[in-house]
């Protein structure tokens, strides 16, 4: 969560589709099934990708390039019998961007995220002995409904910022992602070692069953993200689930940390928190 360059590579590079046992979620990459099925935490994923292309070293600010990269990453191939797009209808197949972004979309219009989901489904179906039963059930739902849901999502991403259509009033748009990327700037590595005395204190207050790495990671993220004149930091819970490779973070570990250490206020897929050291 702290090394944004590493996250960018995880969202745009090659994923190792493997699993040593039923509890190994390596094949999911930096995603959870909630992110794949409900698109939770996708805003931060898209913002990291955008920043990686918008602020390329030595090229200056590249807003148009970043928008095209988003389109390429999100691309889904048109159905073979798809009707021609009507005037003003959003495009969802961006195969023409393959030459510019071969790592993000192939010549058939299959974008990185689309390929990733289908690779996960294929892996689970081919290795039922290496995944949990819930994974098989989730992939069954993905194989049936993902394409249609993702195509609809891509169309929502392109809703004009000042659209009069009320259905588009609260959806995530490419314009929102580009705005966030402009504000946050170039990708950074915010990994800063904690002092030994802090690590010792955190170890002493870590609840039973919670991995030792959880509290230090939360503290490091808090210190790296805290505004100068404000004590609260937004915690992207869904993305932390993906970082730790398990929803146990949000469903078990986070709630077991005592309020003397972390105070949280809940939200939908995110919460805000502050830490007492």
C-alpha atoms as a PDB file:
ATOM      1  CA  UNK A   1       0.000   0.000   0.000  1.00  0.00           C
ATOM      2  CA  UNK A   2       2.942   2.332   0.567  1.00  0.00           C
ATOM      3  CA  UNK A   3       4.964   1.699  -2.581  1.00  0.00           C
ATOM      4  CA  UNK A   4       2.821   3.218  -5.335  1.00  0.00           C
ATOM      5  CA  UNK A   5       5.291   2.237  -8.060  1.00  0.00           C
ATOM      6  CA  UNK A   6       4.978  -1.391  -6.987  1.00  0.00           C
ATOM      7  CA  UNK A   7       1.190  -1.089  -7.081  1.00  0.00           C
ATOM      8  CA  UNK A   8       1.312   0.375 -10.585  1.00  0.00           C
ATOM      9  CA  UNK A   9       3.362  -2.600 -11.770  1.00  0.00           C
ATOM     10  CA  UNK A  10       0.905  -4.988 -10.107  1.00  0.00           C
ATOM     11  CA  UNK A  11      -2.004  -3.368 -11.970  1.00  0.00           C
ATOM     12  CA  UNK A  12      -0.341  -3.248 -15.376  1.00  0.00           C
ATOM     13  CA  UNK A  13       2.236  -6.031 -15.450  1.00  0.00           C
ATOM     14  CA  UNK A  14       2.229  -9.829 -15.567  1.00  0.00           C
ATOM     15  CA  UNK A  15       0.326 -11.668 -12.822  1.00  0.00           C
ATOM     16  CA  UNK A  16       1.576 -14.996 -11.472  1.00  0.00           C
ATOM     17  CA  UNK A  17      -1.495 -17.212 -11.698  1.00  0.00           C
ATOM     18  CA  UNK A  18      -0.580 -19.801  -9.097  1.00  0.00           C
ATOM     19  CA  UNK A  19      -1.713 -21.068  -5.715  1.00  0.00           C
ATOM     20  CA  UNK A  20       0.235 -23.272  -3.311  1.00  0.00           C
ATOM     21  CA  UNK A  21      -2.857 -24.247  -1.337  1.00  0.00           C
ATOM     22  CA  UNK A  22      -6.502 -23.309  -0.799  1.00  0.00           C
ATOM     23  CA  UNK A  23      -5.542 -20.301   1.316  1.00  0.00           C
ATOM     24  CA  UNK A  24      -3.074 -18.857  -1.193  1.00  0.00           C
ATOM     25  CA  UNK A  25      -4.655 -16.044  -3.230  1.00  0.00           C
ATOM     26  CA  UNK A  26      -1.576 -15.178  -5.312  1.00  0.00           C
ATOM     27  CA  UNK A  27      -3.556 -15.852  -8.492  1.00  0.00           C
ATOM     28  CA  UNK A  28      -5.822 -12.873  -7.725  1.00  0.00           C
ATOM     29  CA  UNK A  29      -2.969 -10.377  -7.929  1.00  0.00           C
ATOM     30  CA  UNK A  30      -3.720  -7.147  -6.041  1.00  0.00           C
ATOM     31  CA  UNK A  31      -7.470  -7.787  -6.128  1.00  0.00           C
ATOM     32  CA  UNK A  32     -10.168  -9.508  -4.106  1.00  0.00           C
ATOM     33  CA  UNK A  33     -13.359 -11.087  -5.386  1.00  0.00           C
ATOM     34  CA  UNK A  34     -15.329  -8.131  -4.029  1.00  0.00           C
ATOM     35  CA  UNK A  35     -13.237  -5.856  -6.248  1.00  0.00           C
ATOM     36  CA  UNK A  36     -13.805  -8.084  -9.267  1.00  0.00           C
ATOM     37  CA  UNK A  37     -17.523  -8.600  -8.714  1.00  0.00           C
ATOM     38  CA  UNK A  38     -18.610  -5.327  -7.087  1.00  0.00           C
ATOM     39  CA  UNK A  39     -15.800  -3.076  -8.386  1.00  0.00           C
ATOM     40  CA  UNK A  40     -15.012  -1.978  -4.817  1.00  0.00           C
ATOM     41  CA  UNK A  41     -11.769  -0.036  -4.486  1.00  0.00           C
ATOM     42  CA  UNK A  42     -11.480   0.417  -8.237  1.00  0.00           C
ATOM     43  CA  UNK A  43     -11.192   4.191  -7.993  1.00  0.00           C
ATOM     44  CA  UNK A  44      -7.789   3.927  -6.318  1.00  0.00           C
ATOM     45  CA  UNK A  45      -6.619   1.311  -8.802  1.00  0.00           C
ATOM     46  CA  UNK A  46      -7.531   3.541 -11.742  1.00  0.00           C
ATOM     47  CA  UNK A  47      -5.902   6.569 -10.092  1.00  0.00           C
ATOM     48  CA  UNK A  48      -2.605   4.699  -9.617  1.00  0.00           C
ATOM     49  CA  UNK A  49      -2.648   3.611 -13.273  1.00  0.00           C
ATOM     50  CA  UNK A  50      -3.467   7.160 -14.396  1.00  0.00           C
ATOM     51  CA  UNK A  51      -0.662   8.704 -12.340  1.00  0.00           C
ATOM     52  CA  UNK A  52       1.805   6.213 -13.778  1.00  0.00           C
ATOM     53  CA  UNK A  53       1.078   7.367 -17.331  1.00  0.00           C
ATOM     54  CA  UNK A  54       0.270  11.014 -16.597  1.00  0.00           C
ATOM     55  CA  UNK A  55       3.533  11.783 -14.834  1.00  0.00           C
ATOM     56  CA  UNK A  56       6.065   9.818 -16.888  1.00  0.00           C
ATOM     57  CA  UNK A  57       9.668  10.834 -16.224  1.00  0.00           C
ATOM     58  CA  UNK A  58      11.053  13.336 -18.691  1.00  0.00           C
ATOM     59  CA  UNK A  59       7.840  13.788 -20.709  1.00  0.00           C
ATOM     60  CA  UNK A  60       5.994  16.415 -18.692  1.00  0.00           C
ATOM     61  CA  UNK A  61       2.316  16.284 -17.842  1.00  0.00           C
ATOM     62  CA  UNK A  62       0.455  13.836 -20.126  1.00  0.00           C
ATOM     63  CA  UNK A  63      -3.295  14.151 -19.443  1.00  0.00           C
ATOM     64  CA  UNK A  64      -4.508  12.920 -22.836  1.00  0.00           C
ATOM     65  CA  UNK A  65      -2.065  10.013 -22.723  1.00  0.00           C
ATOM     66  CA  UNK A  66      -3.371   9.041 -19.282  1.00  0.00           C
ATOM     67  CA  UNK A  67      -6.981   9.080 -20.498  1.00  0.00           C
ATOM     68  CA  UNK A  68      -6.095   6.820 -23.420  1.00  0.00           C
ATOM     69  CA  UNK A  69      -4.267   4.484 -21.032  1.00  0.00           C
ATOM     70  CA  UNK A  70      -7.406   4.264 -18.903  1.00  0.00           C
ATOM     71  CA  UNK A  71      -9.474   3.385 -21.952  1.00  0.00           C
ATOM     72  CA  UNK A  72      -6.972   0.722 -22.986  1.00  0.00           C
ATOM     73  CA  UNK A  73      -6.824  -0.852 -19.498  1.00  0.00           C
ATOM     74  CA  UNK A  74     -10.616  -0.964 -19.275  1.00  0.00           C
ATOM     75  CA  UNK A  75     -11.266  -2.171 -22.845  1.00  0.00           C
ATOM     76  CA  UNK A  76     -13.602  -5.086 -23.494  1.00  0.00           C
ATOM     77  CA  UNK A  77     -13.982  -6.635 -26.979  1.00  0.00           C
ATOM     78  CA  UNK A  78     -17.216  -5.967 -28.803  1.00  0.00           C
ATOM     79  CA  UNK A  79     -19.403  -9.018 -29.327  1.00  0.00           C
ATOM     80  CA  UNK A  80     -19.037 -10.535 -32.799  1.00  0.00           C
ATOM     81  CA  UNK A  81     -22.639  -9.621 -33.612  1.00  0.00           C
ATOM     82  CA  UNK A  82     -22.544  -6.218 -31.938  1.00  0.00           C
ATOM     83  CA  UNK A  83     -24.433  -3.475 -33.725  1.00  0.00           C
ATOM     84  CA  UNK A  84     -22.522  -0.366 -34.833  1.00  0.00           C
ATOM     85  CA  UNK A  85     -22.335   2.325 -32.138  1.00  0.00           C
ATOM     86  CA  UNK A  86     -24.956   5.026 -32.400  1.00  0.00           C
ATOM     87  CA  UNK A  87     -23.876   8.647 -32.488  1.00  0.00           C
ATOM     88  CA  UNK A  88     -22.943   9.746 -28.971  1.00  0.00           C
ATOM     89  CA  UNK A  89     -22.881   6.183 -27.608  1.00  0.00           C
ATOM     90  CA  UNK A  90     -19.846   5.376 -25.466  1.00  0.00           C
ATOM     91  CA  UNK A  91     -17.155   3.155 -26.936  1.00  0.00           C
ATOM     92  CA  UNK A  92     -16.084   0.127 -24.873  1.00  0.00           C
ATOM     93  CA  UNK A  93     -13.710  -1.659 -27.279  1.00  0.00           C
ATOM     94  CA  UNK A  94     -10.412   0.200 -27.650  1.00  0.00           C
ATOM     95  CA  UNK A  95      -8.405  -2.228 -29.773  1.00  0.00           C
ATOM     96  CA  UNK A  96      -7.067   0.727 -31.787  1.00  0.00           C
ATOM     97  CA  UNK A  97      -4.924   1.613 -28.733  1.00  0.00           C
ATOM     98  CA  UNK A  98      -3.008  -1.672 -28.862  1.00  0.00           C
ATOM     99  CA  UNK A  99      -0.115  -0.135 -30.783  1.00  0.00           C
ATOM    100  CA  UNK A 100       0.330   2.593 -28.185  1.00  0.00           C
ATOM    101  CA  UNK A 101      -0.350   0.456 -25.105  1.00  0.00           C
ATOM    102  CA  UNK A 102       0.409  -3.192 -25.959  1.00  0.00           C
ATOM    103  CA  UNK A 103       0.749  -3.953 -22.249  1.00  0.00           C
ATOM    104  CA  UNK A 104      -2.777  -2.684 -21.531  1.00  0.00           C
ATOM    105  CA  UNK A 105      -4.897  -3.937 -24.452  1.00  0.00           C
ATOM    106  CA  UNK A 106      -4.339  -6.624 -27.055  1.00  0.00           C
ATOM    107  CA  UNK A 107      -5.139  -6.492 -30.765  1.00  0.00           C
ATOM    108  CA  UNK A 108      -8.586  -8.005 -30.144  1.00  0.00           C
ATOM    109  CA  UNK A 109      -9.632  -5.277 -27.698  1.00  0.00           C
ATOM    110  CA  UNK A 110      -9.129  -7.309 -24.511  1.00  0.00           C
ATOM    111  CA  UNK A 111      -7.959  -4.851 -21.870  1.00  0.00           C
ATOM    112  CA  UNK A 112      -5.720  -5.705 -18.914  1.00  0.00           C
ATOM    113  CA  UNK A 113      -8.558  -5.949 -16.387  1.00  0.00           C
ATOM    114  CA  UNK A 114     -10.783  -7.992 -18.706  1.00  0.00           C
ATOM    115  CA  UNK A 115      -7.949 -10.442 -19.379  1.00  0.00           C
ATOM    116  CA  UNK A 116      -7.106 -10.637 -15.673  1.00  0.00           C
ATOM    117  CA  UNK A 117     -10.641 -11.593 -14.677  1.00  0.00           C
ATOM    118  CA  UNK A 118     -10.870 -14.256 -17.372  1.00  0.00           C
ATOM    119  CA  UNK A 119      -7.442 -15.644 -16.435  1.00  0.00           C
ATOM    120  CA  UNK A 120      -8.613 -15.952 -12.820  1.00  0.00           C
ATOM    121  CA  UNK A 121     -11.766 -17.788 -13.867  1.00  0.00           C
ATOM    122  CA  UNK A 122      -9.728 -20.147 -16.052  1.00  0.00           C
ATOM    123  CA  UNK A 123      -7.211 -20.822 -13.273  1.00  0.00           C
ATOM    124  CA  UNK A 124      -9.912 -21.638 -10.731  1.00  0.00           C
ATOM    125  CA  UNK A 125     -11.768 -23.908 -13.130  1.00  0.00           C
ATOM    126  CA  UNK A 126      -8.556 -25.759 -13.996  1.00  0.00           C
ATOM    127  CA  UNK A 127      -7.311 -26.027 -10.388  1.00  0.00           C
ATOM    128  CA  UNK A 128     -10.321 -26.764  -8.158  1.00  0.00           C
ATOM    129  CA  UNK A 129      -8.061 -28.545  -5.649  1.00  0.00           C
ATOM    130  CA  UNK A 130      -6.000 -25.365  -5.064  1.00  0.00           C
ATOM    131  CA  UNK A 131      -8.801 -22.901  -4.309  1.00  0.00           C
ATOM    132  CA  UNK A 132     -11.578 -22.618  -1.754  1.00  0.00           C
ATOM    133  CA  UNK A 133     -15.152 -23.574  -2.605  1.00  0.00           C
ATOM    134  CA  UNK A 134     -16.159 -19.914  -2.330  1.00  0.00           C
ATOM    135  CA  UNK A 135     -13.654 -19.076  -5.090  1.00  0.00           C
ATOM    136  CA  UNK A 136     -15.266 -21.598  -7.425  1.00  0.00           C
ATOM    137  CA  UNK A 137     -18.691 -20.108  -6.694  1.00  0.00           C
ATOM    138  CA  UNK A 138     -17.426 -16.566  -7.256  1.00  0.00           C
ATOM    139  CA  UNK A 139     -15.829 -17.522 -10.571  1.00  0.00           C
ATOM    140  CA  UNK A 140     -19.038 -19.163 -11.695  1.00  0.00           C
ATOM    141  CA  UNK A 141     -20.808 -15.837 -11.167  1.00  0.00           C
ATOM    142  CA  UNK A 142     -17.992 -13.952 -12.902  1.00  0.00           C
ATOM    143  CA  UNK A 143     -18.148 -16.229 -15.935  1.00  0.00           C
ATOM    144  CA  UNK A 144     -21.851 -15.475 -16.268  1.00  0.00           C
ATOM    145  CA  UNK A 145     -22.173 -11.809 -15.428  1.00  0.00           C
ATOM    146  CA  UNK A 146     -18.820 -10.035 -15.533  1.00  0.00           C
ATOM    147  CA  UNK A 147     -18.695  -9.055 -19.212  1.00  0.00           C
ATOM    148  CA  UNK A 148     -22.056  -7.302 -19.217  1.00  0.00           C
ATOM    149  CA  UNK A 149     -21.426  -5.568 -15.887  1.00  0.00           C
ATOM    150  CA  UNK A 150     -17.967  -4.383 -16.944  1.00  0.00           C
ATOM    151  CA  UNK A 151     -19.179  -3.087 -20.313  1.00  0.00           C
ATOM    152  CA  UNK A 152     -21.850  -1.072 -18.487  1.00  0.00           C
ATOM    153  CA  UNK A 153     -19.228   0.231 -16.058  1.00  0.00           C
ATOM    154  CA  UNK A 154     -16.978   1.437 -18.891  1.00  0.00           C
ATOM    155  CA  UNK A 155     -19.893   3.340 -20.364  1.00  0.00           C
ATOM    156  CA  UNK A 156     -20.501   4.979 -16.972  1.00  0.00           C
ATOM    157  CA  UNK A 157     -16.834   5.970 -16.752  1.00  0.00           C
ATOM    158  CA  UNK A 158     -17.362   8.112 -19.850  1.00  0.00           C
ATOM    159  CA  UNK A 159     -20.491   9.962 -18.699  1.00  0.00           C
ATOM    160  CA  UNK A 160     -19.805  13.693 -19.206  1.00  0.00           C
ATOM    161  CA  UNK A 161     -18.906  15.528 -16.034  1.00  0.00           C
ATOM    162  CA  UNK A 162     -21.922  17.832 -16.197  1.00  0.00           C
ATOM    163  CA  UNK A 163     -24.386  15.305 -17.553  1.00  0.00           C
ATOM    164  CA  UNK A 164     -28.024  16.198 -16.909  1.00  0.00           C
ATOM    165  CA  UNK A 165     -28.797  12.486 -16.594  1.00  0.00           C
ATOM    166  CA  UNK A 166     -29.443  11.933 -12.880  1.00  0.00           C
ATOM    167  CA  UNK A 167     -28.414   8.279 -13.174  1.00  0.00           C
ATOM    168  CA  UNK A 168     -24.909   9.499 -13.813  1.00  0.00           C
ATOM    169  CA  UNK A 169     -24.811  11.883 -10.872  1.00  0.00           C
ATOM    170  CA  UNK A 170     -22.871   9.636  -8.475  1.00  0.00           C
ATOM    171  CA  UNK A 171     -20.970   7.241 -10.723  1.00  0.00           C
ATOM    172  CA  UNK A 172     -17.183   7.117 -10.996  1.00  0.00           C
ATOM    173  CA  UNK A 173     -15.950   8.775 -14.179  1.00  0.00           C
ATOM    174  CA  UNK A 174     -12.650   8.990 -15.979  1.00  0.00           C
ATOM    175  CA  UNK A 175     -12.779  12.749 -15.349  1.00  0.00           C
ATOM    176  CA  UNK A 176     -12.858  12.114 -11.575  1.00  0.00           C
ATOM    177  CA  UNK A 177      -9.880   9.770 -11.825  1.00  0.00           C
ATOM    178  CA  UNK A 178      -7.889  12.256 -13.904  1.00  0.00           C
ATOM    179  CA  UNK A 179      -8.665  14.999 -11.388  1.00  0.00           C
ATOM    180  CA  UNK A 180      -7.454  12.850  -8.481  1.00  0.00           C
ATOM    181  CA  UNK A 181      -4.295  11.956 -10.400  1.00  0.00           C
ATOM    182  CA  UNK A 182      -3.549  15.633 -11.068  1.00  0.00           C
ATOM    183  CA  UNK A 183      -3.932  16.440  -7.377  1.00  0.00           C
ATOM    184  CA  UNK A 184      -1.819  13.510  -6.122  1.00  0.00           C
ATOM    185  CA  UNK A 185       1.040  13.921  -8.593  1.00  0.00           C
ATOM    186  CA  UNK A 186       3.668  11.395  -9.629  1.00  0.00           C
ATOM    187  CA  UNK A 187       3.860   7.934  -8.089  1.00  0.00           C
ATOM    188  CA  UNK A 188       5.934   7.700  -4.902  1.00  0.00           C
ATOM    189  CA  UNK A 189       7.425   5.094  -2.625  1.00  0.00           C
ATOM    190  CA  UNK A 190       6.244   6.050   0.872  1.00  0.00           C
ATOM    191  CA  UNK A 191       7.903   3.134   2.656  1.00  0.00           C
ATOM    192  CA  UNK A 192       9.620   4.553   5.753  1.00  0.00           C
ATOM    193  CA  UNK A 193      10.919   2.196   8.458  1.00  0.00           C
ATOM    194  CA  UNK A 194       9.413   2.657  11.902  1.00  0.00           C
ATOM    195  CA  UNK A 195      11.628   3.091  14.948  1.00  0.00           C
ATOM    196  CA  UNK A 196      12.321  -0.125  16.910  1.00  0.00           C
ATOM    197  CA  UNK A 197      10.542   1.220  19.999  1.00  0.00           C
ATOM    198  CA  UNK A 198       7.398   1.907  17.923  1.00  0.00           C
ATOM    199  CA  UNK A 199       7.490  -1.590  16.424  1.00  0.00           C
ATOM    200  CA  UNK A 200       7.865  -3.069  19.900  1.00  0.00           C
ATOM    201  CA  UNK A 201       4.888  -1.086  21.161  1.00  0.00           C
ATOM    202  CA  UNK A 202       2.751  -2.134  18.191  1.00  0.00           C
ATOM    203  CA  UNK A 203       3.690  -5.769  18.678  1.00  0.00           C
ATOM    204  CA  UNK A 204       2.551  -5.560  22.311  1.00  0.00           C
ATOM    205  CA  UNK A 205      -0.918  -4.276  21.372  1.00  0.00           C
ATOM    206  CA  UNK A 206      -1.475  -6.488  18.310  1.00  0.00           C
ATOM    207  CA  UNK A 207      -4.529  -8.705  19.041  1.00  0.00           C
ATOM    208  CA  UNK A 208      -4.188 -12.461  18.948  1.00  0.00           C
ATOM    209  CA  UNK A 209      -4.769 -13.812  15.446  1.00  0.00           C
ATOM    210  CA  UNK A 210      -3.771 -10.566  13.714  1.00  0.00           C
ATOM    211  CA  UNK A 211      -0.508 -10.803  11.714  1.00  0.00           C
ATOM    212  CA  UNK A 212       2.377  -8.732  13.070  1.00  0.00           C
ATOM    213  CA  UNK A 213       2.611  -6.779   9.799  1.00  0.00           C
ATOM    214  CA  UNK A 214      -0.888  -5.291   9.992  1.00  0.00           C
ATOM    215  CA  UNK A 215      -0.453  -2.560  12.614  1.00  0.00           C
ATOM    216  CA  UNK A 216       2.934  -1.350  11.308  1.00  0.00           C
ATOM    217  CA  UNK A 217       1.468  -1.083   7.811  1.00  0.00           C
ATOM    218  CA  UNK A 218      -1.504   0.908   9.108  1.00  0.00           C
ATOM    219  CA  UNK A 219       0.789   3.226  11.051  1.00  0.00           C
ATOM    220  CA  UNK A 220       3.112   3.771   8.071  1.00  0.00           C
ATOM    221  CA  UNK A 221       0.167   4.479   5.771  1.00  0.00           C
ATOM    222  CA  UNK A 222      -1.277   6.899   8.335  1.00  0.00           C
ATOM    223  CA  UNK A 223       1.986   8.818   8.715  1.00  0.00           C
ATOM    224  CA  UNK A 224       2.486   8.971   4.923  1.00  0.00           C
ATOM    225  CA  UNK A 225      -1.085  10.133   4.222  1.00  0.00           C
ATOM    226  CA  UNK A 226      -1.909  12.436   7.159  1.00  0.00           C
ATOM    227  CA  UNK A 227      -2.600  16.069   6.215  1.00  0.00           C
ATOM    228  CA  UNK A 228      -0.664  18.735   8.139  1.00  0.00           C
ATOM    229  CA  UNK A 229      -3.617  20.181  10.045  1.00  0.00           C
ATOM    230  CA  UNK A 230      -5.945  17.187  10.316  1.00  0.00           C
ATOM    231  CA  UNK A 231      -5.797  14.020  12.421  1.00  0.00           C
ATOM    232  CA  UNK A 232      -7.956  11.771  10.233  1.00  0.00           C
ATOM    233  CA  UNK A 233      -6.817   9.722   7.250  1.00  0.00           C
ATOM    234  CA  UNK A 234      -9.016   7.900   4.728  1.00  0.00           C
ATOM    235  CA  UNK A 235      -8.418   4.152   4.915  1.00  0.00           C
ATOM    236  CA  UNK A 236      -9.234   2.351   1.632  1.00  0.00           C
ATOM    237  CA  UNK A 237     -10.388  -0.871   3.263  1.00  0.00           C
ATOM    238  CA  UNK A 238     -11.056  -2.797   0.037  1.00  0.00           C
ATOM    239  CA  UNK A 239      -7.556  -2.014  -1.241  1.00  0.00           C
ATOM    240  CA  UNK A 240      -5.994  -3.087   2.063  1.00  0.00           C
ATOM    241  CA  UNK A 241      -7.863  -6.390   1.733  1.00  0.00           C
ATOM    242  CA  UNK A 242      -6.221  -6.844  -1.656  1.00  0.00           C
ATOM    243  CA  UNK A 243      -2.803  -5.852  -0.293  1.00  0.00           C
ATOM    244  CA  UNK A 244      -2.965  -8.450   2.478  1.00  0.00           C
ATOM    245  CA  UNK A 245      -4.503 -10.985   0.107  1.00  0.00           C
ATOM    246  CA  UNK A 246      -7.530 -11.682   2.283  1.00  0.00           C
ATOM    247  CA  UNK A 247     -10.800 -10.080   3.383  1.00  0.00           C
ATOM    248  CA  UNK A 248      -9.885 -11.114   6.926  1.00  0.00           C
ATOM    249  CA  UNK A 249      -8.343  -7.647   7.199  1.00  0.00           C
ATOM    250  CA  UNK A 250     -11.697  -5.870   6.940  1.00  0.00           C
ATOM    251  CA  UNK A 251     -13.882  -8.606   8.419  1.00  0.00           C
ATOM    252  CA  UNK A 252     -11.758  -9.687  11.381  1.00  0.00           C
ATOM    253  CA  UNK A 253      -8.428  -8.005  11.999  1.00  0.00           C
ATOM    254  CA  UNK A 254      -9.415  -4.336  11.743  1.00  0.00           C
ATOM    255  CA  UNK A 255     -12.369  -4.677  14.098  1.00  0.00           C
ATOM    256  CA  UNK A 256     -10.286  -6.460  16.733  1.00  0.00           C
ATOM    257  CA  UNK A 257      -7.777  -3.614  17.133  1.00  0.00           C
ATOM    258  CA  UNK A 258      -8.555  -1.717  20.346  1.00  0.00           C
ATOM    259  CA  UNK A 259      -9.773   1.888  20.121  1.00  0.00           C
ATOM    260  CA  UNK A 260      -6.887   2.974  22.342  1.00  0.00           C
ATOM    261  CA  UNK A 261      -4.694   2.283  19.306  1.00  0.00           C
ATOM    262  CA  UNK A 262      -6.901   3.053  16.284  1.00  0.00           C
ATOM    263  CA  UNK A 263     -10.160   4.992  16.175  1.00  0.00           C
ATOM    264  CA  UNK A 264     -12.281   4.381  13.098  1.00  0.00           C
ATOM    265  CA  UNK A 265     -15.427   5.837  11.567  1.00  0.00           C
ATOM    266  CA  UNK A 266     -17.018   3.472   9.066  1.00  0.00           C
ATOM    267  CA  UNK A 267     -18.032   4.145   5.484  1.00  0.00           C
ATOM    268  CA  UNK A 268     -18.861   2.152   2.367  1.00  0.00           C
ATOM    269  CA  UNK A 269     -15.681   0.373   1.279  1.00  0.00           C
ATOM    270  CA  UNK A 270     -13.591   3.030   3.032  1.00  0.00           C
ATOM    271  CA  UNK A 271     -13.393   4.530   6.508  1.00  0.00           C
ATOM    272  CA  UNK A 272     -11.423   7.259   8.180  1.00  0.00           C
ATOM    273  CA  UNK A 273      -9.090   6.537  11.059  1.00  0.00           C
ATOM    274  CA  UNK A 274      -6.552   8.052  13.395  1.00  0.00           C
ATOM    275  CA  UNK A 275      -3.812   6.433  15.405  1.00  0.00           C
ATOM    276  CA  UNK A 276      -2.579   7.004  18.947  1.00  0.00           C
ATOM    277  CA  UNK A 277       1.108   6.196  19.462  1.00  0.00           C
END
